[in-house]
Amino acid sequence: VLFSSHHVDDVERVADEVGIMVHGRLVVYGSPDELRARIKRIRVVLQDGRLPSQVPKQTIQQKLQRREWLLTVRDFS
């Protein structure tokens, strides 16, 4: 059964395994506990509003709003 939702709480209640898709591509897969340990959201405030020349290769998704850069990364340490 495929269950699609942006509401993580709903997914955690009914799913044993979870996949995260970005632009129609499966980028990570595992149990909710595994994903909670492996996936992190990072908030960066840029002093000059410009992105660094290199984005971390573990980046799953990123969003820039003014000086705030939101990154979702896997296997972050």
Protein backbone atom coordinates (compact mmCIF):
# COMPACT_ATOMS: atom_id res chain seq x y z
CA VAL A 1 0.00 0.00 0.00
CA LEU A 2 1.36 3.42 -0.91
CA PHE A 3 0.40 6.26 1.43
CA SER A 4 1.41 9.79 0.49
CA SER A 5 1.48 12.66 2.96
CA HIS A 6 3.45 15.70 4.02
CA HIS A 7 2.30 15.12 7.60
CA VAL A 8 5.03 13.08 9.25
CA ASP A 9 2.90 12.29 12.31
CA ASP A 10 0.29 10.60 10.11
CA VAL A 11 2.93 8.57 8.29
CA GLU A 12 4.61 7.43 11.51
CA ARG A 13 1.33 6.05 12.88
CA VAL A 14 0.64 3.79 9.90
CA ALA A 15 3.96 3.01 8.19
CA ASP A 16 6.68 0.46 8.96
CA GLU A 17 8.84 1.76 6.11
CA VAL A 18 9.02 5.29 4.74
CA GLY A 19 10.41 6.72 1.52
CA ILE A 20 11.10 10.37 0.84
CA MET A 21 10.72 11.57 -2.72
CA VAL A 22 12.03 14.82 -4.18
CA HIS A 23 10.90 15.83 -7.68
CA GLY A 24 9.55 12.31 -8.33
CA ARG A 25 12.76 10.56 -7.29
CA LEU A 26 13.13 8.33 -4.21
CA VAL A 27 16.06 9.81 -2.27
CA VAL A 28 15.92 7.93 1.07
CA TYR A 29 14.13 4.89 2.40
CA GLY A 30 13.91 3.19 5.81
CA SER A 31 11.96 2.85 9.02
CA PRO A 32 10.73 6.05 10.69
CA ASP A 33 13.34 5.58 13.45
CA GLU A 34 16.16 5.10 10.93
CA LEU A 35 15.15 8.19 8.98
CA ARG A 36 14.82 10.27 12.15
CA ALA A 37 18.42 9.33 12.99
CA ARG A 38 19.78 9.88 9.45
CA ILE A 39 17.88 12.94 8.14
CA LYS A 40 18.39 16.42 9.59
CA ARG A 41 17.02 19.88 8.81
CA ILE A 42 19.59 22.64 9.10
CA ARG A 43 18.85 26.36 9.18
CA VAL A 44 21.66 28.68 8.11
CA VAL A 45 21.52 32.48 8.23
CA LEU A 46 23.72 33.91 5.48
CA GLN A 47 25.42 37.20 6.26
CA ASP A 48 25.47 38.42 2.67
CA GLY A 49 22.45 36.45 1.40
CA ARG A 50 24.57 34.44 -1.06
CA LEU A 51 24.92 30.68 -1.05
CA PRO A 52 28.35 29.13 -0.54
CA SER A 53 30.10 27.91 -3.67
CA GLN A 54 29.57 24.26 -2.68
CA VAL A 55 26.42 22.66 -1.33
CA PRO A 56 26.98 19.63 0.94
CA LYS A 57 26.74 16.49 -1.21
CA GLN A 58 24.37 14.89 1.32
CA THR A 59 21.75 17.57 0.57
CA ILE A 60 18.34 16.16 -0.29
CA GLN A 61 16.53 19.47 -0.57
CA GLN A 62 17.33 23.14 -0.09
CA LYS A 63 15.37 26.35 0.02
CA LEU A 64 16.60 29.95 0.13
CA GLN A 65 14.45 32.77 1.48
CA ARG A 66 16.27 36.06 1.72
CA ARG A 67 19.17 35.29 4.09
CA GLU A 68 17.74 32.04 5.46
CA TRP A 69 18.96 28.83 3.85
CA LEU A 70 17.10 25.65 4.82
CA LEU A 71 18.81 22.36 4.06
CA THR A 72 17.55 18.83 4.46
CA VAL A 73 20.53 16.47 4.54
CA ARG A 74 21.07 12.76 4.97
CA ASP A 75 23.82 11.10 7.01
CA PHE A 76 24.76 14.43 8.60
CA SER A 77 27.54 14.48 11.16
